[in-house]
């Protein structure tokens, strides 16, 4: 399809042209975002105004349908400071080729289903590749783990920073904040020089063991961090991501780190710090 034909399809050639869109479609709930390479590469915040009106209708797992029919499953992270398109978002960005400055519209066409369109700011048209139809309607975008870069720490068999399950004190009542299971770690030299271990008993009680392979998200006021995890001999620790988080947030010995589990399926902890 030529640029001229696409302009006619959108309603005309001028910069003030109104797209030729079904009026019923225009009345559907929608929002627009300008993609920012740094702020939106890992996740994207849904506008608070949209969430305020339609947030209760949004499930955790949503489908983003691209202009060519390609579908992507993306999880919505719902936390106190907003709703974010999280797990699966990186794969959506990578597969669609979204770049800095692209204008994206998200139209809620059904429960948990958004039609997503990209528009060029100059032509008011989607790029040609966006509208090339995918013949296999069953194809869905998948999310494969992104590997971060950080420490190569492996705990020794004799380390006791993480208590094995049979000796783990059931503190689910004492460490239950806002109805969510929480554990607290006071940082010591082992944490500072090595890595962060997650209490094995806490994990088994609240999270499927197989979820270790998918990693975890640590949500802090300044942003969200993706960590890869390892487990061996009743130990679970952060394999990649801890050093970067520790250094950028100036975490030192004596800081108490609170980890509140806000999503046990797409393992996500809300983290806050008590400094000495």
C-alpha atoms as a PDB file:
ATOM      1  CA  UNK A   1       0.000   0.000   0.000  1.00  0.00           C
ATOM      2  CA  UNK A   2       1.436   3.394  -0.971  1.00  0.00           C
ATOM      3  CA  UNK A   3       1.763   6.309   1.437  1.00  0.00           C
ATOM      4  CA  UNK A   4      -0.984   8.127  -0.485  1.00  0.00           C
ATOM      5  CA  UNK A   5      -3.348   5.169  -0.136  1.00  0.00           C
ATOM      6  CA  UNK A   6      -2.634   4.897   3.542  1.00  0.00           C
ATOM      7  CA  UNK A   7      -3.266   8.614   3.983  1.00  0.00           C
ATOM      8  CA  UNK A   8      -6.614   8.231   2.252  1.00  0.00           C
ATOM      9  CA  UNK A   9      -7.392   5.260   4.487  1.00  0.00           C
ATOM     10  CA  UNK A  10      -6.696   7.437   7.505  1.00  0.00           C
ATOM     11  CA  UNK A  11      -8.991  10.149   6.184  1.00  0.00           C
ATOM     12  CA  UNK A  12      -6.914  12.466   4.005  1.00  0.00           C
ATOM     13  CA  UNK A  13      -3.489  13.945   3.340  1.00  0.00           C
ATOM     14  CA  UNK A  14      -3.425  17.074   5.459  1.00  0.00           C
ATOM     15  CA  UNK A  15      -2.054  17.345   8.964  1.00  0.00           C
ATOM     16  CA  UNK A  16      -5.551  18.133  10.279  1.00  0.00           C
ATOM     17  CA  UNK A  17      -7.166  15.074   8.694  1.00  0.00           C
ATOM     18  CA  UNK A  18      -9.553  13.030  10.836  1.00  0.00           C
ATOM     19  CA  UNK A  19      -9.027   9.247  10.572  1.00  0.00           C
ATOM     20  CA  UNK A  20     -11.864   7.313   8.973  1.00  0.00           C
ATOM     21  CA  UNK A  21     -12.737   5.244  12.048  1.00  0.00           C
ATOM     22  CA  UNK A  22     -15.993   3.580  13.110  1.00  0.00           C
ATOM     23  CA  UNK A  23     -17.734   6.001  15.537  1.00  0.00           C
ATOM     24  CA  UNK A  24     -18.516   3.108  17.909  1.00  0.00           C
ATOM     25  CA  UNK A  25     -14.819   2.264  18.049  1.00  0.00           C
ATOM     26  CA  UNK A  26     -13.983   5.864  18.901  1.00  0.00           C
ATOM     27  CA  UNK A  27     -16.250   5.662  21.953  1.00  0.00           C
ATOM     28  CA  UNK A  28     -14.334   2.723  23.440  1.00  0.00           C
ATOM     29  CA  UNK A  29     -12.047   3.441  26.441  1.00  0.00           C
ATOM     30  CA  UNK A  30      -8.574   4.359  25.212  1.00  0.00           C
ATOM     31  CA  UNK A  31      -5.369   6.130  26.128  1.00  0.00           C
ATOM     32  CA  UNK A  32      -2.267   7.316  24.306  1.00  0.00           C
ATOM     33  CA  UNK A  33       1.384   7.099  25.313  1.00  0.00           C
ATOM     34  CA  UNK A  34       4.561   8.417  23.722  1.00  0.00           C
ATOM     35  CA  UNK A  35       7.168   5.677  24.000  1.00  0.00           C
ATOM     36  CA  UNK A  36      10.293   6.763  25.873  1.00  0.00           C
ATOM     37  CA  UNK A  37      13.325   4.543  25.403  1.00  0.00           C
ATOM     38  CA  UNK A  38      14.553   4.885  28.997  1.00  0.00           C
ATOM     39  CA  UNK A  39      11.317   5.178  30.940  1.00  0.00           C
ATOM     40  CA  UNK A  40       9.346   2.544  29.026  1.00  0.00           C
ATOM     41  CA  UNK A  41      11.898  -0.108  28.081  1.00  0.00           C
ATOM     42  CA  UNK A  42      11.170  -2.454  31.017  1.00  0.00           C
ATOM     43  CA  UNK A  43       7.563  -1.566  31.729  1.00  0.00           C
ATOM     44  CA  UNK A  44       5.042   1.137  30.983  1.00  0.00           C
ATOM     45  CA  UNK A  45       2.754   2.928  33.376  1.00  0.00           C
ATOM     46  CA  UNK A  46      -0.912   3.085  32.406  1.00  0.00           C
ATOM     47  CA  UNK A  47      -2.175   6.670  32.826  1.00  0.00           C
ATOM     48  CA  UNK A  48      -3.685   7.152  36.313  1.00  0.00           C
ATOM     49  CA  UNK A  49      -6.751   8.832  34.787  1.00  0.00           C
ATOM     50  CA  UNK A  50      -7.510   5.684  32.769  1.00  0.00           C
ATOM     51  CA  UNK A  51      -6.879   3.450  35.777  1.00  0.00           C
ATOM     52  CA  UNK A  52      -9.157   5.584  37.928  1.00  0.00           C
ATOM     53  CA  UNK A  53     -12.080   4.915  35.590  1.00  0.00           C
ATOM     54  CA  UNK A  54     -11.345   1.423  34.219  1.00  0.00           C
ATOM     55  CA  UNK A  55      -8.773  -0.069  36.592  1.00  0.00           C
ATOM     56  CA  UNK A  56     -11.251  -2.341  38.368  1.00  0.00           C
ATOM     57  CA  UNK A  57     -12.091  -3.992  35.033  1.00  0.00           C
ATOM     58  CA  UNK A  58      -8.505  -4.860  34.141  1.00  0.00           C
ATOM     59  CA  UNK A  59      -7.339  -8.445  34.870  1.00  0.00           C
ATOM     60  CA  UNK A  60      -3.740  -9.247  35.756  1.00  0.00           C
ATOM     61  CA  UNK A  61      -3.084 -10.836  32.360  1.00  0.00           C
ATOM     62  CA  UNK A  62      -4.048  -8.761  29.338  1.00  0.00           C
ATOM     63  CA  UNK A  63      -3.644  -9.167  25.582  1.00  0.00           C
ATOM     64  CA  UNK A  64      -2.099  -6.488  23.411  1.00  0.00           C
ATOM     65  CA  UNK A  65      -3.231  -6.879  19.799  1.00  0.00           C
ATOM     66  CA  UNK A  66      -0.907  -5.205  17.291  1.00  0.00           C
ATOM     67  CA  UNK A  67      -2.168  -3.624  14.058  1.00  0.00           C
ATOM     68  CA  UNK A  68      -1.325  -6.746  12.042  1.00  0.00           C
ATOM     69  CA  UNK A  69      -3.209  -9.071  14.408  1.00  0.00           C
ATOM     70  CA  UNK A  70      -0.194 -10.294  16.372  1.00  0.00           C
ATOM     71  CA  UNK A  71      -1.154 -10.881  20.008  1.00  0.00           C
ATOM     72  CA  UNK A  72       1.005 -10.559  23.099  1.00  0.00           C
ATOM     73  CA  UNK A  73       0.196 -11.595  26.664  1.00  0.00           C
ATOM     74  CA  UNK A  74       1.341  -8.897  29.073  1.00  0.00           C
ATOM     75  CA  UNK A  75       0.821  -8.887  32.823  1.00  0.00           C
ATOM     76  CA  UNK A  76      -0.371  -5.784  34.659  1.00  0.00           C
ATOM     77  CA  UNK A  77       1.504  -5.040  37.858  1.00  0.00           C
ATOM     78  CA  UNK A  78      -0.916  -3.382  40.283  1.00  0.00           C
ATOM     79  CA  UNK A  79       0.812  -1.551  43.120  1.00  0.00           C
ATOM     80  CA  UNK A  80       0.091   1.477  45.282  1.00  0.00           C
ATOM     81  CA  UNK A  81       1.755   3.999  42.991  1.00  0.00           C
ATOM     82  CA  UNK A  82       0.132   2.809  39.757  1.00  0.00           C
ATOM     83  CA  UNK A  83      -0.657   0.113  37.198  1.00  0.00           C
ATOM     84  CA  UNK A  84       2.195  -1.016  34.944  1.00  0.00           C
ATOM     85  CA  UNK A  85       2.359  -3.221  31.851  1.00  0.00           C
ATOM     86  CA  UNK A  86       5.155  -5.472  33.097  1.00  0.00           C
ATOM     87  CA  UNK A  87       5.975  -9.108  32.274  1.00  0.00           C
ATOM     88  CA  UNK A  88       5.822  -9.514  28.507  1.00  0.00           C
ATOM     89  CA  UNK A  89       6.215  -5.776  27.808  1.00  0.00           C
ATOM     90  CA  UNK A  90       9.874  -6.069  26.783  1.00  0.00           C
ATOM     91  CA  UNK A  91       9.000  -8.836  24.336  1.00  0.00           C
ATOM     92  CA  UNK A  92       6.154  -6.725  22.914  1.00  0.00           C
ATOM     93  CA  UNK A  93       8.527  -3.786  22.373  1.00  0.00           C
ATOM     94  CA  UNK A  94      11.191  -6.004  20.818  1.00  0.00           C
ATOM     95  CA  UNK A  95       8.804  -7.830  18.468  1.00  0.00           C
ATOM     96  CA  UNK A  96       6.968  -4.733  17.257  1.00  0.00           C
ATOM     97  CA  UNK A  97      10.051  -2.563  16.833  1.00  0.00           C
ATOM     98  CA  UNK A  98       8.656   0.308  18.893  1.00  0.00           C
ATOM     99  CA  UNK A  99      11.243   3.085  19.189  1.00  0.00           C
ATOM    100  CA  UNK A 100      11.726   6.305  21.103  1.00  0.00           C
ATOM    101  CA  UNK A 101       9.115   8.919  20.237  1.00  0.00           C
ATOM    102  CA  UNK A 102       6.526   6.542  18.758  1.00  0.00           C
ATOM    103  CA  UNK A 103       2.918   7.469  19.538  1.00  0.00           C
ATOM    104  CA  UNK A 104       0.929   4.432  20.741  1.00  0.00           C
ATOM    105  CA  UNK A 105      -2.818   4.222  21.227  1.00  0.00           C
ATOM    106  CA  UNK A 106      -4.344   1.542  23.457  1.00  0.00           C
ATOM    107  CA  UNK A 107      -8.051   0.867  22.908  1.00  0.00           C
ATOM    108  CA  UNK A 108      -9.852  -1.426  25.355  1.00  0.00           C
ATOM    109  CA  UNK A 109     -12.023  -3.501  22.999  1.00  0.00           C
ATOM    110  CA  UNK A 110     -12.969  -6.259  25.457  1.00  0.00           C
ATOM    111  CA  UNK A 111     -12.147  -7.404  28.975  1.00  0.00           C
ATOM    112  CA  UNK A 112      -8.348  -7.387  29.193  1.00  0.00           C
ATOM    113  CA  UNK A 113      -7.865  -6.898  25.428  1.00  0.00           C
ATOM    114  CA  UNK A 114      -6.226  -3.758  24.028  1.00  0.00           C
ATOM    115  CA  UNK A 115      -5.883  -2.938  20.350  1.00  0.00           C
ATOM    116  CA  UNK A 116      -2.538  -1.165  20.043  1.00  0.00           C
ATOM    117  CA  UNK A 117      -1.665   1.098  17.124  1.00  0.00           C
ATOM    118  CA  UNK A 118       1.435   3.113  16.370  1.00  0.00           C
ATOM    119  CA  UNK A 119       1.261   6.410  14.499  1.00  0.00           C
ATOM    120  CA  UNK A 120       4.002   8.379  12.839  1.00  0.00           C
ATOM    121  CA  UNK A 121       3.907  11.952  14.144  1.00  0.00           C
ATOM    122  CA  UNK A 122       4.433  13.368  10.628  1.00  0.00           C
ATOM    123  CA  UNK A 123       2.135  11.228   8.438  1.00  0.00           C
ATOM    124  CA  UNK A 124      -0.468  10.302  11.076  1.00  0.00           C
ATOM    125  CA  UNK A 125      -0.269   6.772   9.658  1.00  0.00           C
ATOM    126  CA  UNK A 126       1.032   3.484  11.016  1.00  0.00           C
ATOM    127  CA  UNK A 127       4.295   2.292   9.455  1.00  0.00           C
ATOM    128  CA  UNK A 128       3.733  -0.118   6.566  1.00  0.00           C
ATOM    129  CA  UNK A 129       5.124  -3.094   8.471  1.00  0.00           C
ATOM    130  CA  UNK A 130       2.638  -2.624  11.303  1.00  0.00           C
ATOM    131  CA  UNK A 131      -0.361  -3.352   9.079  1.00  0.00           C
ATOM    132  CA  UNK A 132       1.091  -6.338   7.213  1.00  0.00           C
ATOM    133  CA  UNK A 133      -1.291  -9.090   8.295  1.00  0.00           C
ATOM    134  CA  UNK A 134       0.023 -12.105  10.192  1.00  0.00           C
ATOM    135  CA  UNK A 135      -1.514 -15.185   8.593  1.00  0.00           C
ATOM    136  CA  UNK A 136      -1.214 -17.455  11.637  1.00  0.00           C
ATOM    137  CA  UNK A 137      -3.920 -16.174  13.972  1.00  0.00           C
ATOM    138  CA  UNK A 138      -2.840 -18.519  16.740  1.00  0.00           C
ATOM    139  CA  UNK A 139       0.585 -16.953  17.109  1.00  0.00           C
ATOM    140  CA  UNK A 140       1.026 -15.212  20.437  1.00  0.00           C
ATOM    141  CA  UNK A 141       3.967 -13.221  21.677  1.00  0.00           C
ATOM    142  CA  UNK A 142       5.844 -15.097  24.367  1.00  0.00           C
ATOM    143  CA  UNK A 143       7.941 -13.781  27.157  1.00  0.00           C
ATOM    144  CA  UNK A 144      11.372 -15.274  27.535  1.00  0.00           C
ATOM    145  CA  UNK A 145      13.494 -14.242  30.495  1.00  0.00           C
ATOM    146  CA  UNK A 146      15.830 -11.289  29.987  1.00  0.00           C
ATOM    147  CA  UNK A 147      19.206 -11.938  31.544  1.00  0.00           C
ATOM    148  CA  UNK A 148      20.568  -9.017  33.507  1.00  0.00           C
ATOM    149  CA  UNK A 149      24.268  -8.572  34.198  1.00  0.00           C
ATOM    150  CA  UNK A 150      25.658  -8.526  37.712  1.00  0.00           C
ATOM    151  CA  UNK A 151      27.310 -10.748  40.292  1.00  0.00           C
ATOM    152  CA  UNK A 152      28.473 -14.332  39.927  1.00  0.00           C
ATOM    153  CA  UNK A 153      28.011 -15.214  43.576  1.00  0.00           C
ATOM    154  CA  UNK A 154      27.206 -18.804  44.577  1.00  0.00           C
ATOM    155  CA  UNK A 155      26.580 -19.514  48.283  1.00  0.00           C
ATOM    156  CA  UNK A 156      28.649 -22.227  49.889  1.00  0.00           C
ATOM    157  CA  UNK A 157      27.015 -25.332  51.309  1.00  0.00           C
ATOM    158  CA  UNK A 158      27.973 -24.255  54.847  1.00  0.00           C
ATOM    159  CA  UNK A 159      26.537 -20.754  54.767  1.00  0.00           C
ATOM    160  CA  UNK A 160      23.606 -20.245  57.115  1.00  0.00           C
ATOM    161  CA  UNK A 161      22.222 -16.848  56.087  1.00  0.00           C
ATOM    162  CA  UNK A 162      19.123 -18.578  54.720  1.00  0.00           C
ATOM    163  CA  UNK A 163      17.431 -21.045  57.032  1.00  0.00           C
ATOM    164  CA  UNK A 164      16.368 -24.373  55.554  1.00  0.00           C
ATOM    165  CA  UNK A 165      12.685 -25.161  55.579  1.00  0.00           C
ATOM    166  CA  UNK A 166      12.555 -27.625  58.473  1.00  0.00           C
ATOM    167  CA  UNK A 167      14.211 -25.077  60.799  1.00  0.00           C
ATOM    168  CA  UNK A 168      12.374 -22.043  59.430  1.00  0.00           C
ATOM    169  CA  UNK A 169      10.191 -20.322  62.024  1.00  0.00           C
ATOM    170  CA  UNK A 170       6.646 -19.800  60.784  1.00  0.00           C
ATOM    171  CA  UNK A 171       6.476 -16.032  61.071  1.00  0.00           C
ATOM    172  CA  UNK A 172       3.623 -15.543  58.582  1.00  0.00           C
ATOM    173  CA  UNK A 173       1.469 -13.919  61.260  1.00  0.00           C
ATOM    174  CA  UNK A 174       4.131 -11.527  62.549  1.00  0.00           C
ATOM    175  CA  UNK A 175       5.332 -10.632  59.059  1.00  0.00           C
ATOM    176  CA  UNK A 176       2.040  -9.938  57.392  1.00  0.00           C
ATOM    177  CA  UNK A 177       1.745  -6.364  56.146  1.00  0.00           C
ATOM    178  CA  UNK A 178      -1.496  -5.169  54.557  1.00  0.00           C
ATOM    179  CA  UNK A 179      -2.504  -8.827  54.278  1.00  0.00           C
ATOM    180  CA  UNK A 180       0.595  -9.645  52.192  1.00  0.00           C
ATOM    181  CA  UNK A 181       3.403 -12.026  53.265  1.00  0.00           C
ATOM    182  CA  UNK A 182       6.603 -10.143  54.021  1.00  0.00           C
ATOM    183  CA  UNK A 183      10.141 -10.976  55.074  1.00  0.00           C
ATOM    184  CA  UNK A 184      12.838  -8.647  56.405  1.00  0.00           C
ATOM    185  CA  UNK A 185      16.594  -8.906  55.963  1.00  0.00           C
ATOM    186  CA  UNK A 186      19.125  -6.844  57.919  1.00  0.00           C
ATOM    187  CA  UNK A 187      22.081  -6.462  55.597  1.00  0.00           C
ATOM    188  CA  UNK A 188      25.412  -7.820  56.811  1.00  0.00           C
ATOM    189  CA  UNK A 189      28.815  -8.304  55.232  1.00  0.00           C
ATOM    190  CA  UNK A 190      27.689 -11.530  53.558  1.00  0.00           C
ATOM    191  CA  UNK A 191      24.874  -9.656  51.782  1.00  0.00           C
ATOM    192  CA  UNK A 192      27.063  -6.697  50.894  1.00  0.00           C
ATOM    193  CA  UNK A 193      30.010  -8.717  49.560  1.00  0.00           C
ATOM    194  CA  UNK A 194      27.998 -11.620  48.148  1.00  0.00           C
ATOM    195  CA  UNK A 195      24.372 -11.690  47.149  1.00  0.00           C
ATOM    196  CA  UNK A 196      20.860 -11.597  48.565  1.00  0.00           C
ATOM    197  CA  UNK A 197      19.331 -14.866  49.733  1.00  0.00           C
ATOM    198  CA  UNK A 198      15.551 -15.302  49.954  1.00  0.00           C
ATOM    199  CA  UNK A 199      14.366 -17.384  52.935  1.00  0.00           C
ATOM    200  CA  UNK A 200      13.711 -20.839  51.546  1.00  0.00           C
ATOM    201  CA  UNK A 201      10.794 -21.561  53.884  1.00  0.00           C
ATOM    202  CA  UNK A 202       9.134 -18.256  52.986  1.00  0.00           C
ATOM    203  CA  UNK A 203       9.374 -19.121  49.295  1.00  0.00           C
ATOM    204  CA  UNK A 204       7.956 -22.631  49.709  1.00  0.00           C
ATOM    205  CA  UNK A 205       5.082 -21.371  51.825  1.00  0.00           C
ATOM    206  CA  UNK A 206       4.026 -18.604  49.432  1.00  0.00           C
ATOM    207  CA  UNK A 207       5.457 -19.192  45.928  1.00  0.00           C
ATOM    208  CA  UNK A 208       5.714 -22.258  43.630  1.00  0.00           C
ATOM    209  CA  UNK A 209       9.299 -23.518  43.662  1.00  0.00           C
ATOM    210  CA  UNK A 210       9.326 -23.704  39.856  1.00  0.00           C
ATOM    211  CA  UNK A 211       8.870 -19.927  39.701  1.00  0.00           C
ATOM    212  CA  UNK A 212      12.557 -19.544  40.584  1.00  0.00           C
ATOM    213  CA  UNK A 213      13.404 -20.114  36.912  1.00  0.00           C
ATOM    214  CA  UNK A 214      11.372 -17.066  35.846  1.00  0.00           C
ATOM    215  CA  UNK A 215      13.162 -14.687  38.218  1.00  0.00           C
ATOM    216  CA  UNK A 216      11.592 -11.944  40.286  1.00  0.00           C
ATOM    217  CA  UNK A 217      10.819  -8.234  40.185  1.00  0.00           C
ATOM    218  CA  UNK A 218      11.783  -5.847  42.977  1.00  0.00           C
ATOM    219  CA  UNK A 219       9.617  -2.727  42.943  1.00  0.00           C
ATOM    220  CA  UNK A 220      11.073   0.337  44.651  1.00  0.00           C
ATOM    221  CA  UNK A 221       9.780   3.904  44.632  1.00  0.00           C
ATOM    222  CA  UNK A 222      12.438   4.875  42.092  1.00  0.00           C
ATOM    223  CA  UNK A 223      11.584   2.081  39.670  1.00  0.00           C
ATOM    224  CA  UNK A 224      11.396  -1.653  39.065  1.00  0.00           C
ATOM    225  CA  UNK A 225      14.308  -4.084  38.961  1.00  0.00           C
ATOM    226  CA  UNK A 226      14.350  -7.502  37.338  1.00  0.00           C
ATOM    227  CA  UNK A 227      16.493 -10.155  39.014  1.00  0.00           C
ATOM    228  CA  UNK A 228      17.393 -13.661  37.947  1.00  0.00           C
ATOM    229  CA  UNK A 229      17.409 -16.301  40.676  1.00  0.00           C
ATOM    230  CA  UNK A 230      19.184 -19.566  41.421  1.00  0.00           C
ATOM    231  CA  UNK A 231      18.393 -22.361  43.831  1.00  0.00           C
ATOM    232  CA  UNK A 232      20.538 -25.217  45.144  1.00  0.00           C
ATOM    233  CA  UNK A 233      20.493 -27.312  48.313  1.00  0.00           C
ATOM    234  CA  UNK A 234      17.551 -25.516  49.950  1.00  0.00           C
ATOM    235  CA  UNK A 235      18.934 -22.090  49.104  1.00  0.00           C
ATOM    236  CA  UNK A 236      17.484 -19.431  46.804  1.00  0.00           C
ATOM    237  CA  UNK A 237      19.553 -16.385  45.960  1.00  0.00           C
ATOM    238  CA  UNK A 238      19.680 -13.491  43.495  1.00  0.00           C
ATOM    239  CA  UNK A 239      22.055 -14.474  40.700  1.00  0.00           C
ATOM    240  CA  UNK A 240      21.941 -11.268  38.625  1.00  0.00           C
ATOM    241  CA  UNK A 241      20.719  -7.818  39.577  1.00  0.00           C
ATOM    242  CA  UNK A 242      21.626  -7.485  43.253  1.00  0.00           C
ATOM    243  CA  UNK A 243      24.922  -5.609  42.824  1.00  0.00           C
ATOM    244  CA  UNK A 244      23.367  -2.958  40.597  1.00  0.00           C
ATOM    245  CA  UNK A 245      20.426  -2.391  42.943  1.00  0.00           C
ATOM    246  CA  UNK A 246      22.701  -2.388  46.015  1.00  0.00           C
ATOM    247  CA  UNK A 247      25.101   0.161  44.536  1.00  0.00           C
ATOM    248  CA  UNK A 248      22.513   2.514  43.045  1.00  0.00           C
ATOM    249  CA  UNK A 249      20.527   2.658  46.303  1.00  0.00           C
ATOM    250  CA  UNK A 250      23.587   2.911  48.562  1.00  0.00           C
ATOM    251  CA  UNK A 251      22.677  -0.162  50.584  1.00  0.00           C
ATOM    252  CA  UNK A 252      25.163  -0.711  53.393  1.00  0.00           C
ATOM    253  CA  UNK A 253      25.530  -2.936  56.430  1.00  0.00           C
ATOM    254  CA  UNK A 254      22.717  -2.419  58.923  1.00  0.00           C
ATOM    255  CA  UNK A 255      20.028  -1.392  56.422  1.00  0.00           C
ATOM    256  CA  UNK A 256      16.792  -3.355  56.990  1.00  0.00           C
ATOM    257  CA  UNK A 257      15.192  -4.399  53.703  1.00  0.00           C
ATOM    258  CA  UNK A 258      11.459  -5.191  53.736  1.00  0.00           C
ATOM    259  CA  UNK A 259      10.222  -7.487  50.950  1.00  0.00           C
ATOM    260  CA  UNK A 260       6.433  -7.526  50.580  1.00  0.00           C
ATOM    261  CA  UNK A 261       5.136 -10.180  48.168  1.00  0.00           C
ATOM    262  CA  UNK A 262       2.529  -8.440  45.980  1.00  0.00           C
ATOM    263  CA  UNK A 263       2.333 -11.091  43.213  1.00  0.00           C
ATOM    264  CA  UNK A 264       3.139 -14.775  43.780  1.00  0.00           C
ATOM    265  CA  UNK A 265       2.596 -15.836  40.151  1.00  0.00           C
ATOM    266  CA  UNK A 266       4.748 -13.253  38.386  1.00  0.00           C
ATOM    267  CA  UNK A 267       6.972 -13.073  41.452  1.00  0.00           C
ATOM    268  CA  UNK A 268       7.024  -9.425  42.497  1.00  0.00           C
ATOM    269  CA  UNK A 269       8.147  -7.864  45.772  1.00  0.00           C
ATOM    270  CA  UNK A 270       7.491  -4.304  46.886  1.00  0.00           C
ATOM    271  CA  UNK A 271      10.721  -3.292  48.670  1.00  0.00           C
ATOM    272  CA  UNK A 272      11.403  -0.499  51.116  1.00  0.00           C
ATOM    273  CA  UNK A 273      14.404   0.254  53.280  1.00  0.00           C
ATOM    274  CA  UNK A 274      14.964   1.221  56.924  1.00  0.00           C
ATOM    275  CA  UNK A 275      18.324   2.920  57.257  1.00  0.00           C
ATOM    276  CA  UNK A 276      20.289   3.051  60.526  1.00  0.00           C
END
